C-alpha atoms as a PDB file:
ATOM      1  CA  MET A   1      63.652  81.703  74.669  1.00  0.00           C
ATOM      2  CA  THR A   2      65.266  78.875  73.629  1.00  0.00           C
ATOM      3  CA  ASN A   3      67.451  76.762  75.901  1.00  0.00           C
ATOM      4  CA  GLN A   4      70.744  77.838  74.336  1.00  0.00           C
ATOM      5  CA  SER A   5      69.660  81.858  74.211  1.00  0.00           C
ATOM      6  CA  GLN A   6      68.641  81.337  78.418  1.00  0.00           C
ATOM      7  CA  ARG A   7      72.073  79.912  78.993  1.00  0.00           C
ATOM      8  CA  LEU A   8      73.867  82.748  76.951  1.00  0.00           C
ATOM      9  CA  HIS A   9      71.868  85.116  78.415  1.00  0.00           C
ATOM     10  CA  ASP A  10      72.183  83.865  82.143  1.00  0.00           C
ATOM     11  CA  ALA A  11      75.963  83.357  81.524  1.00  0.00           C
ATOM     12  CA  LEU A  12      76.261  87.107  80.229  1.00  0.00           C
ATOM     13  CA  THR A  13      74.176  88.085  83.246  1.00  0.00           C
ATOM     14  CA  HIS A  14      76.623  86.372  85.768  1.00  0.00           C
ATOM     15  CA  ILE A  15      79.975  87.737  84.081  1.00  0.00           C
ATOM     16  CA  HIS A  16      78.411  91.418  84.368  1.00  0.00           C
ATOM     17  CA  GLN A  17      77.345  90.880  88.066  1.00  0.00           C
ATOM     18  CA  ARG A  18      78.720  93.304  90.787  1.00  0.00           C
ATOM     19  CA  PRO A  19      79.850  91.032  93.840  1.00  0.00           C
ATOM     20  CA  ALA A  20      80.101  92.404  97.194  1.00  0.00           C
ATOM     21  CA  PRO A  21      83.322  93.430  98.416  1.00  0.00           C
ATOM     22  CA  PHE A  22      86.307  91.231  98.254  1.00  0.00           C
ATOM     23  CA  ALA A  23      83.252  88.333  98.141  1.00  0.00           C
ATOM     24  CA  ALA A  24      86.143  86.254  96.435  1.00  0.00           C
ATOM     25  CA  TYR A  25      89.643  85.945  96.385  1.00  0.00           C
ATOM     26  CA  THR A  26      91.549  84.318  93.684  1.00  0.00           C
ATOM     27  CA  ALA A  27      94.926  85.529  93.723  1.00  0.00           C
ATOM     28  CA  ARG A  28      96.567  81.773  94.481  1.00  0.00           C
ATOM     29  CA  GLU A  29      94.812  81.063  91.286  1.00  0.00           C
ATOM     30  CA  LEU A  30      96.337  83.649  89.331  1.00  0.00           C
ATOM     31  CA  TRP A  31      99.886  83.353  90.549  1.00  0.00           C
ATOM     32  CA  ASP A  32      99.686  79.194  90.315  1.00  0.00           C
ATOM     33  CA  ASP A  33      98.823  78.932  86.657  1.00  0.00           C
ATOM     34  CA  ASP A  34     101.603  77.910  84.575  1.00  0.00           C
ATOM     35  CA  HIS A  35     100.815  80.196  81.261  1.00  0.00           C
ATOM     36  CA  ILE A  36      99.741  83.379  83.425  1.00  0.00           C
ATOM     37  CA  SER A  37     102.648  83.298  86.246  1.00  0.00           C
ATOM     38  CA  ALA A  38     104.946  82.974  83.052  1.00  0.00           C
ATOM     39  CA  GLN A  39     103.421  86.220  81.677  1.00  0.00           C
ATOM     40  CA  MET A  40     103.795  88.109  85.306  1.00  0.00           C
ATOM     41  CA  LEU A  41     107.665  86.985  85.327  1.00  0.00           C
ATOM     42  CA  SER A  42     107.829  88.272  81.997  1.00  0.00           C
ATOM     43  CA  PHE A  43     106.753  91.560  83.533  1.00  0.00           C
ATOM     44  CA  HIS A  44     108.392  91.788  86.315  1.00  0.00           C
ATOM     45  CA  LEU A  45     111.793  91.654  84.291  1.00  0.00           C
ATOM     46  CA  ASP A  46     110.850  94.193  81.726  1.00  0.00           C
ATOM     47  CA  PRO A  47     112.598  97.119  83.024  1.00  0.00           C
ATOM     48  CA  THR A  48     110.298  99.240  81.371  1.00  0.00           C
ATOM     49  CA  SER A  49     106.785  97.515  82.524  1.00  0.00           C
ATOM     50  CA  GLU A  50     104.335  98.100  85.312  1.00  0.00           C
ATOM     51  CA  PRO A  51     101.499  95.191  85.680  1.00  0.00           C
ATOM     52  CA  ALA A  52     103.552  93.332  87.517  1.00  0.00           C
ATOM     53  CA  THR A  53     106.408  95.686  89.182  1.00  0.00           C
ATOM     54  CA  ARG A  54     107.139  99.269  89.168  1.00  0.00           C
ATOM     55  CA  PRO A  55     110.053 100.477  86.084  1.00  0.00           C
ATOM     56  CA  HIS A  56     113.377  99.234  87.287  1.00  0.00           C
ATOM     57  CA  GLY A  57     114.677 103.016  87.430  1.00  0.00           C
ATOM     58  CA  PHE A  58     112.437 103.192  90.044  1.00  0.00           C
ATOM     59  CA  VAL A  59     112.800 100.457  91.974  1.00  0.00           C
ATOM     60  CA  ASP A  60     116.786 101.445  91.624  1.00  0.00           C
ATOM     61  CA  ARG A  61     115.921 104.423  93.078  1.00  0.00           C
ATOM     62  CA  SER A  62     113.438 102.938  95.961  1.00  0.00           C
ATOM     63  CA  ALA A  63     116.026 100.265  97.080  1.00  0.00           C
ATOM     64  CA  ALA A  64     118.832 102.855  97.294  1.00  0.00           C
ATOM     65  CA  TRP A  65     116.870 105.084  99.519  1.00  0.00           C
ATOM     66  CA  ILE A  66     115.730 102.315 101.967  1.00  0.00           C
ATOM     67  CA  ALA A  67     119.219 100.974 102.114  1.00  0.00           C
ATOM     68  CA  ARG A  68     120.436 104.649 103.267  1.00  0.00           C
ATOM     69  CA  GLU A  69     117.534 105.115 105.422  1.00  0.00           C
ATOM     70  CA  PHE A  70     117.728 101.887 107.337  1.00  0.00           C
ATOM     71  CA  ASP A  71     121.361 101.534 107.121  1.00  0.00           C
ATOM     72  CA  LEU A  72     121.604  98.120 105.447  1.00  0.00           C
ATOM     73  CA  PRO A  73     125.323  98.195 104.902  1.00  0.00           C
ATOM     74  CA  ALA A  74     125.257  97.259 108.691  1.00  0.00           C
ATOM     75  CA  GLY A  75     123.549  93.972 107.676  1.00  0.00           C
ATOM     76  CA  PRO A  76     120.115  94.186 109.419  1.00  0.00           C
ATOM     77  CA  ARG A  77     117.811  91.340 109.111  1.00  0.00           C
ATOM     78  CA  VAL A  78     115.324  92.515 106.118  1.00  0.00           C
ATOM     79  CA  ALA A  79     112.013  90.227 105.196  1.00  0.00           C
ATOM     80  CA  ASP A  80     110.652  91.435 102.049  1.00  0.00           C
ATOM     81  CA  PHE A  81     106.858  89.780 101.490  1.00  0.00           C
ATOM     82  CA  GLY A  82     105.388  89.627  98.055  1.00  0.00           C
ATOM     83  CA  CYS A  83     109.296  89.473  96.916  1.00  0.00           C
ATOM     84  CA  GLY A  84     108.301  88.126  93.376  1.00  0.00           C
ATOM     85  CA  PRO A  85     111.583  87.306  91.285  1.00  0.00           C
ATOM     86  CA  GLY A  86     113.732  88.978  93.804  1.00  0.00           C
ATOM     87  CA  LEU A  87     114.065  92.830  92.279  1.00  0.00           C
ATOM     88  CA  TYR A  88     114.142  94.206  95.975  1.00  0.00           C
ATOM     89  CA  ALA A  89     115.498  91.114  97.861  1.00  0.00           C
ATOM     90  CA  THR A  90     118.901  91.104  95.425  1.00  0.00           C
ATOM     91  CA  ARG A  91     119.336  94.901  95.733  1.00  0.00           C
ATOM     92  CA  PHE A  92     118.972  94.769  99.783  1.00  0.00           C
ATOM     93  CA  ALA A  93     121.367  91.927  99.624  1.00  0.00           C
ATOM     94  CA  GLU A  94     123.676  94.070  97.595  1.00  0.00           C
ATOM     95  CA  ALA A  95     123.516  96.642  99.760  1.00  0.00           C
ATOM     96  CA  GLY A  96     124.640  93.976 102.751  1.00  0.00           C
ATOM     97  CA  ALA A  97     121.132  93.166 104.438  1.00  0.00           C
ATOM     98  CA  ARG A  98     120.456  89.582 105.459  1.00  0.00           C
ATOM     99  CA  VAL A  99     117.545  88.774 103.354  1.00  0.00           C
ATOM    100  CA  THR A 100     114.558  86.461 103.345  1.00  0.00           C
ATOM    101  CA  GLY A 101     111.864  86.657 100.134  1.00  0.00           C
ATOM    102  CA  ILE A 102     108.515  85.402 100.595  1.00  0.00           C
ATOM    103  CA  ASP A 103     106.190  84.830  97.692  1.00  0.00           C
ATOM    104  CA  PHE A 104     104.066  81.938  96.787  1.00  0.00           C
ATOM    105  CA  SER A 105     104.896  82.219  92.961  1.00  0.00           C
ATOM    106  CA  ARG A 106     106.974  79.091  92.645  1.00  0.00           C
ATOM    107  CA  ARG A 107     108.156  80.129  88.818  1.00  0.00           C
ATOM    108  CA  SER A 108     109.167  83.828  90.537  1.00  0.00           C
ATOM    109  CA  ILE A 109     111.089  82.246  93.610  1.00  0.00           C
ATOM    110  CA  ALA A 110     112.654  79.598  91.351  1.00  0.00           C
ATOM    111  CA  HIS A 111     114.415  82.898  89.008  1.00  0.00           C
ATOM    112  CA  ALA A 112     115.109  84.577  92.211  1.00  0.00           C
ATOM    113  CA  ARG A 113     116.854  81.832  93.638  1.00  0.00           C
ATOM    114  CA  ASN A 114     118.857  81.507  90.290  1.00  0.00           C
ATOM    115  CA  GLU A 115     119.638  84.752  90.331  1.00  0.00           C
ATOM    116  CA  ALA A 116     121.142  85.010  93.781  1.00  0.00           C
ATOM    117  CA  THR A 117     123.421  81.907  92.642  1.00  0.00           C
ATOM    118  CA  ARG A 118     124.615  83.888  89.544  1.00  0.00           C
ATOM    119  CA  LEU A 119     125.282  87.049  91.538  1.00  0.00           C
ATOM    120  CA  GLY A 120     126.780  84.953  94.552  1.00  0.00           C
ATOM    121  CA  LEU A 121     124.364  86.223  97.310  1.00  0.00           C
ATOM    122  CA  ASP A 122     123.329  84.395 100.234  1.00  0.00           C
ATOM    123  CA  ILE A 123     119.394  85.324 100.299  1.00  0.00           C
ATOM    124  CA  THR A 124     116.785  83.055 101.671  1.00  0.00           C
ATOM    125  CA  TYR A 125     113.837  82.390  99.578  1.00  0.00           C
ATOM    126  CA  GLU A 126     110.412  81.225 100.900  1.00  0.00           C
ATOM    127  CA  VAL A 127     107.761  79.967  98.680  1.00  0.00           C
ATOM    128  CA  ALA A 128     104.593  80.495 101.075  1.00  0.00           C
ATOM    129  CA  ASP A 129     101.608  82.659 101.089  1.00  0.00           C
ATOM    130  CA  TYR A 130     102.379  85.787 102.889  1.00  0.00           C
ATOM    131  CA  LEU A 131      98.868  85.402 104.918  1.00  0.00           C
ATOM    132  CA  GLU A 132     100.392  82.080 106.457  1.00  0.00           C
ATOM    133  CA  PHE A 133     103.694  82.987 106.446  1.00  0.00           C
ATOM    134  CA  ASP A 134     105.606  82.170 109.970  1.00  0.00           C
ATOM    135  CA  THR A 135     109.157  81.710 111.323  1.00  0.00           C
ATOM    136  CA  ASP A 136     111.057  81.871 114.420  1.00  0.00           C
ATOM    137  CA  GLN A 137     113.243  84.797 113.067  1.00  0.00           C
ATOM    138  CA  ARG A 138     112.566  88.309 114.020  1.00  0.00           C
ATOM    139  CA  PHE A 139     113.381  91.202 111.714  1.00  0.00           C
ATOM    140  CA  ASP A 140     114.901  94.580 112.049  1.00  0.00           C
ATOM    141  CA  LEU A 141     112.978  95.586 108.716  1.00  0.00           C
ATOM    142  CA  VAL A 142     109.856  94.141 106.974  1.00  0.00           C
ATOM    143  CA  THR A 143     109.009  95.537 103.553  1.00  0.00           C
ATOM    144  CA  LEU A 144     105.702  95.347 101.543  1.00  0.00           C
ATOM    145  CA  ILE A 145     106.010  97.287  98.265  1.00  0.00           C
ATOM    146  CA  TYR A 146     104.035  98.130  95.304  1.00  0.00           C
ATOM    147  CA  CYS A 147     100.607  98.553  97.393  1.00  0.00           C
ATOM    148  CA  ASP A 148     100.662  94.907  97.965  1.00  0.00           C
ATOM    149  CA  LEU A 149      98.232  95.607 100.806  1.00  0.00           C
ATOM    150  CA  CYS A 150      95.443  96.841  98.916  1.00  0.00           C
ATOM    151  CA  PRO A 151      93.990  93.764  96.984  1.00  0.00           C
ATOM    152  CA  LEU A 152      93.274  92.283 100.469  1.00  0.00           C
ATOM    153  CA  SER A 153      90.296  92.226 102.452  1.00  0.00           C
ATOM    154  CA  PRO A 154      90.077  94.388 105.491  1.00  0.00           C
ATOM    155  CA  GLN A 155      89.958  90.648 107.456  1.00  0.00           C
ATOM    156  CA  GLN A 156      93.403  89.727 105.579  1.00  0.00           C
ATOM    157  CA  ARG A 157      94.914  93.324 105.871  1.00  0.00           C
ATOM    158  CA  ARG A 158      94.299  92.790 109.792  1.00  0.00           C
ATOM    159  CA  ARG A 159      96.165  89.460 109.744  1.00  0.00           C
ATOM    160  CA  LEU A 160      99.256  90.585 107.989  1.00  0.00           C
ATOM    161  CA  LEU A 161      99.992  93.375 109.937  1.00  0.00           C
ATOM    162  CA  THR A 162      99.731  91.734 113.190  1.00  0.00           C
ATOM    163  CA  SER A 163     101.812  89.131 111.519  1.00  0.00           C
ATOM    164  CA  PHE A 164     104.314  91.770 110.804  1.00  0.00           C
ATOM    165  CA  ARG A 165     103.937  93.529 114.364  1.00  0.00           C
ATOM    166  CA  ARG A 166     104.851  89.647 115.672  1.00  0.00           C
ATOM    167  CA  LEU A 167     107.898  89.228 113.253  1.00  0.00           C
ATOM    168  CA  LEU A 168     109.441  92.440 114.305  1.00  0.00           C
ATOM    169  CA  ALA A 169     112.781  92.486 116.291  1.00  0.00           C
ATOM    170  CA  PRO A 170     112.865  95.293 119.354  1.00  0.00           C
ATOM    171  CA  GLY A 171     113.271  98.609 117.160  1.00  0.00           C
ATOM    172  CA  GLY A 172     112.480  97.112 114.108  1.00  0.00           C
ATOM    173  CA  ARG A 173     110.412  98.632 111.231  1.00  0.00           C
ATOM    174  CA  ILE A 174     108.146  98.368 108.487  1.00  0.00           C
ATOM    175  CA  VAL A 175     107.870 100.175 104.730  1.00  0.00           C
ATOM    176  CA  LEU A 176     104.836  99.851 102.930  1.00  0.00           C
ATOM    177  CA  ASP A 177     103.016 101.468 100.525  1.00  0.00           C
ATOM    178  CA  VAL A 178      99.046 102.063  99.553  1.00  0.00           C
ATOM    179  CA  PHE A 179      97.328 103.830  96.793  1.00  0.00           C
ATOM    180  CA  THR A 180      95.848 106.584  98.146  1.00  0.00           C
ATOM    181  CA  ALA A 181      92.152 108.362  98.151  1.00  0.00           C
ATOM    182  CA  ALA A 182      93.223 110.558  95.311  1.00  0.00           C
ATOM    183  CA  ALA A 183      94.117 107.855  93.015  1.00  0.00           C
ATOM    184  CA  TYR A 184      90.404 106.488  93.406  1.00  0.00           C
ATOM    185  CA  THR A 185      88.754 109.463  92.052  1.00  0.00           C
ATOM    186  CA  GLY A 186      90.953 108.900  88.796  1.00  0.00           C
ATOM    187  CA  ARG A 187      89.291 104.972  88.295  1.00  0.00           C
ATOM    188  CA  GLU A 188      86.074 104.568  86.351  1.00  0.00           C
ATOM    189  CA  GLU A 189      83.700 102.129  85.919  1.00  0.00           C
ATOM    190  CA  ALA A 190      84.261 100.500  82.419  1.00  0.00           C
ATOM    191  CA  SER A 191      83.046  96.929  80.528  1.00  0.00           C
ATOM    192  CA  THR A 192      85.140  95.700  77.599  1.00  0.00           C
ATOM    193  CA  HIS A 193      85.467  92.305  75.984  1.00  0.00           C
ATOM    194  CA  GLY A 194      87.825  90.708  73.498  1.00  0.00           C
ATOM    195  CA  HIS A 195      89.265  87.734  71.642  1.00  0.00           C
ATOM    196  CA  ARG A 196      92.123  87.001  73.739  1.00  0.00           C
ATOM    197  CA  LEU A 197      91.757  89.621  75.850  1.00  0.00           C
ATOM    198  CA  MET A 198      94.858  91.398  76.725  1.00  0.00           C
ATOM    199  CA  GLY A 199      97.046  89.426  73.713  1.00  0.00           C
ATOM    200  CA  GLY A 200      97.105  86.163  74.936  1.00  0.00           C
ATOM    201  CA  PHE A 201      97.357  86.970  78.834  1.00  0.00           C
ATOM    202  CA  TRP A 202      95.430  84.580  80.171  1.00  0.00           C
ATOM    203  CA  ALA A 203      95.822  81.311  78.243  1.00  0.00           C
ATOM    204  CA  SER A 204      98.022  80.036  75.561  1.00  0.00           C
ATOM    205  CA  GLY A 205      95.194  78.821  73.502  1.00  0.00           C
ATOM    206  CA  ASP A 206      91.702  80.130  72.388  1.00  0.00           C
ATOM    207  CA  TYR A 207      89.682  82.266  74.313  1.00  0.00           C
ATOM    208  CA  TRP A 208      87.091  85.142  75.125  1.00  0.00           C
ATOM    209  CA  GLY A 209      87.996  87.475  78.093  1.00  0.00           C
ATOM    210  CA  PHE A 210      85.196  89.707  79.830  1.00  0.00           C
ATOM    211  CA  LEU A 211      86.799  92.686  81.754  1.00  0.00           C
ATOM    212  CA  ASN A 212      84.358  94.555  84.156  1.00  0.00           C
ATOM    213  CA  THR A 213      85.473  97.430  86.306  1.00  0.00           C
ATOM    214  CA  PHE A 214      83.372  98.017  89.295  1.00  0.00           C
ATOM    215  CA  LYS A 215      83.553 100.891  91.977  1.00  0.00           C
ATOM    216  CA  TYR A 216      82.344 100.960  95.464  1.00  0.00           C
ATOM    217  CA  ASP A 217      82.256 104.491  97.104  1.00  0.00           C
ATOM    218  CA  GLU A 218      81.434 103.519 100.177  1.00  0.00           C
ATOM    219  CA  GLN A 219      84.462 101.413 101.127  1.00  0.00           C
ATOM    220  CA  ARG A 220      86.289 103.126  98.238  1.00  0.00           C
ATOM    221  CA  VAL A 221      87.209  99.967  96.678  1.00  0.00           C
ATOM    222  CA  VAL A 222      87.534  99.276  92.944  1.00  0.00           C
ATOM    223  CA  LEU A 223      87.297  95.757  91.299  1.00  0.00           C
ATOM    224  CA  ASP A 224      88.649  94.715  87.957  1.00  0.00           C
ATOM    225  CA  ARG A 225      86.799  91.252  87.263  1.00  0.00           C
ATOM    226  CA  TYR A 226      88.233  89.242  84.487  1.00  0.00           C
ATOM    227  CA  ASP A 227      85.854  86.163  83.461  1.00  0.00           C
ATOM    228  CA  ILE A 228      87.946  84.039  81.084  1.00  0.00           C
ATOM    229  CA  ILE A 229      85.830  81.845  78.458  1.00  0.00           C
ATOM    230  CA  GLU A 230      87.940  79.096  76.964  1.00  0.00           C
ATOM    231  CA  PRO A 231      86.600  76.014  75.017  1.00  0.00           C
ATOM    232  CA  ASP A 232      87.109  73.717  78.161  1.00  0.00           C
ATOM    233  CA  ARG A 233      86.574  75.610  81.133  1.00  0.00           C
ATOM    234  CA  THR A 234      85.394  79.382  82.252  1.00  0.00           C
ATOM    235  CA  ARG A 235      87.563  81.076  84.862  1.00  0.00           C
ATOM    236  CA  THR A 236      86.938  84.181  87.224  1.00  0.00           C
ATOM    237  CA  VAL A 237      89.675  86.379  88.273  1.00  0.00           C
ATOM    238  CA  TYR A 238      88.935  89.524  90.847  1.00  0.00           C
ATOM    239  CA  ASN A 239      91.679  92.051  91.113  1.00  0.00           C
ATOM    240  CA  TRP A 240      90.735  94.045  94.400  1.00  0.00           C
ATOM    241  CA  LEU A 241      91.951  97.225  95.047  1.00  0.00           C
ATOM    242  CA  GLN A 242      91.561  99.012  98.561  1.00  0.00           C
ATOM    243  CA  TYR A 243      92.308 103.285  98.578  1.00  0.00           C
ATOM    244  CA  PHE A 244      93.226 104.698 101.952  1.00  0.00           C
ATOM    245  CA  THR A 245      93.103 108.111 103.248  1.00  0.00           C
ATOM    246  CA  PRO A 246      96.108 108.837 105.703  1.00  0.00           C
ATOM    247  CA  GLU A 247      93.939 108.693 108.718  1.00  0.00           C
ATOM    248  CA  GLU A 248      92.315 104.966 107.576  1.00  0.00           C
ATOM    249  CA  LEU A 249      95.942 103.547 106.785  1.00  0.00           C
ATOM    250  CA  ALA A 250      96.795 105.021 110.449  1.00  0.00           C
ATOM    251  CA  ALA A 251      93.836 103.588 112.339  1.00  0.00           C
ATOM    252  CA  GLU A 252      94.266 100.157 110.422  1.00  0.00           C
ATOM    253  CA  CYS A 253      98.099 100.082 111.691  1.00  0.00           C
ATOM    254  CA  GLU A 254      97.232 101.320 115.083  1.00  0.00           C
ATOM    255  CA  ALA A 255      94.462  98.590 115.410  1.00  0.00           C
ATOM    256  CA  CYS A 256      97.087  95.780 114.999  1.00  0.00           C
ATOM    257  CA  GLY A 257      99.615  97.510 117.348  1.00  0.00           C
ATOM    258  CA  LEU A 258     101.812  99.399 114.988  1.00  0.00           C
ATOM    259  CA  ARG A 259     102.109 103.229 114.581  1.00  0.00           C
ATOM    260  CA  VAL A 260     102.924 105.285 111.711  1.00  0.00           C
ATOM    261  CA  LEU A 261     106.334 107.035 112.132  1.00  0.00           C
ATOM    262  CA  ALA A 262     106.842 108.819 109.107  1.00  0.00           C
ATOM    263  CA  ARG A 263     105.006 109.228 105.650  1.00  0.00           C
ATOM    264  CA  TYR A 264     106.071 109.782 102.324  1.00  0.00           C
ATOM    265  CA  GLY A 265     104.880 110.277  98.591  1.00  0.00           C
ATOM    266  CA  ASP A 266     106.147 106.840  97.828  1.00  0.00           C
ATOM    267  CA  VAL A 267     108.857 104.221  98.630  1.00  0.00           C
ATOM    268  CA  THR A 268     111.795 106.389  97.229  1.00  0.00           C
ATOM    269  CA  GLY A 269     111.417 108.836 100.358  1.00  0.00           C
ATOM    270  CA  THR A 270     109.688 112.111  98.452  1.00  0.00           C
ATOM    271  CA  ALA A 271     107.679 114.152 100.468  1.00  0.00           C
ATOM    272  CA  PHE A 272     103.835 113.406 101.092  1.00  0.00           C
ATOM    273  CA  SER A 273     101.913 115.915  99.396  1.00  0.00           C
ATOM    274  CA  GLY A 274      98.461 114.000  99.626  1.00  0.00           C
ATOM    275  CA  GLU A 275      97.595 114.572  95.821  1.00  0.00           C
ATOM    276  CA  GLY A 276      99.756 111.521  94.680  1.00  0.00           C
ATOM    277  CA  ASP A 277      98.733 108.056  93.756  1.00  0.00           C
ATOM    278  CA  THR A 278     100.934 106.432  96.423  1.00  0.00           C
ATOM    279  CA  CYS A 279     101.287 106.893 100.282  1.00  0.00           C
ATOM    280  CA  ALA A 280     104.412 105.279 101.718  1.00  0.00           C
ATOM    281  CA  VAL A 281     104.594 104.551 105.550  1.00  0.00           C
ATOM    282  CA  VAL A 282     107.542 103.491 108.111  1.00  0.00           C
ATOM    283  CA  LEU A 283     105.808 101.639 110.754  1.00  0.00           C
ATOM    284  CA  GLY A 284     107.127 100.777 114.269  1.00  0.00           C
ATOM    285  CA  GLY A 285     105.564  98.959 117.128  1.00  0.00           C
ATOM    286  CA  GLY A 286     102.873 100.787 119.024  1.00  0.00           C
END
């Protein structure tokens, strides 16, 4: 085998390797990249798109339910973690809440701030990794929506939930949603590649993209591993997703001093059946 063939063989072997669960965390690289962050913002703002957020009709119903359930017209302090371009934060503020949005995408926060100015809304936006965010403020409601707990490792989830507990005002509540064990059964392992995979999503110039989807049955975790090969660099992006049973989610929350006060099928307040792809919970201090 020639040296060139050996290098190609080794590179392809590496691309298709199955890493240990949560072996690498690349979320910041994904959201800090100038090209990719622009693609993600366009997905957020597309009212029918789902890669970055749910369709805006769902967001409307969800925000309206949260406004009713937690009396946002009374003006509670709300922290929206992973706020992106402010889709929920804007709706919460319009309902009457005093809102702080936290996200580490500078592009998304810039859009959110401009939108708040345009609408005359007094929303505080913080560019920050929510795993590291801290403040002296205490909040009546903390939200983490679109299953943003699921890409985090067990250690990261514990850190974030503990932070949420600390940030709650007396009597405060947390709303978050996760993917369910039922949704895990619908995932399949797969491998694909293509020239400018996903229609140029990963780079503005020329590249080849490889996507390998791995399932980890023991942990109930799925990894979508993207390897992006450009003329001058190679990148790997790991998109992990943890899938939960209600009991597993409750146990993780209880270990962080939180208890499940209510369970729903999603963040619009639909009844929980155990058969849907998501589960939403309302948490309070233990």
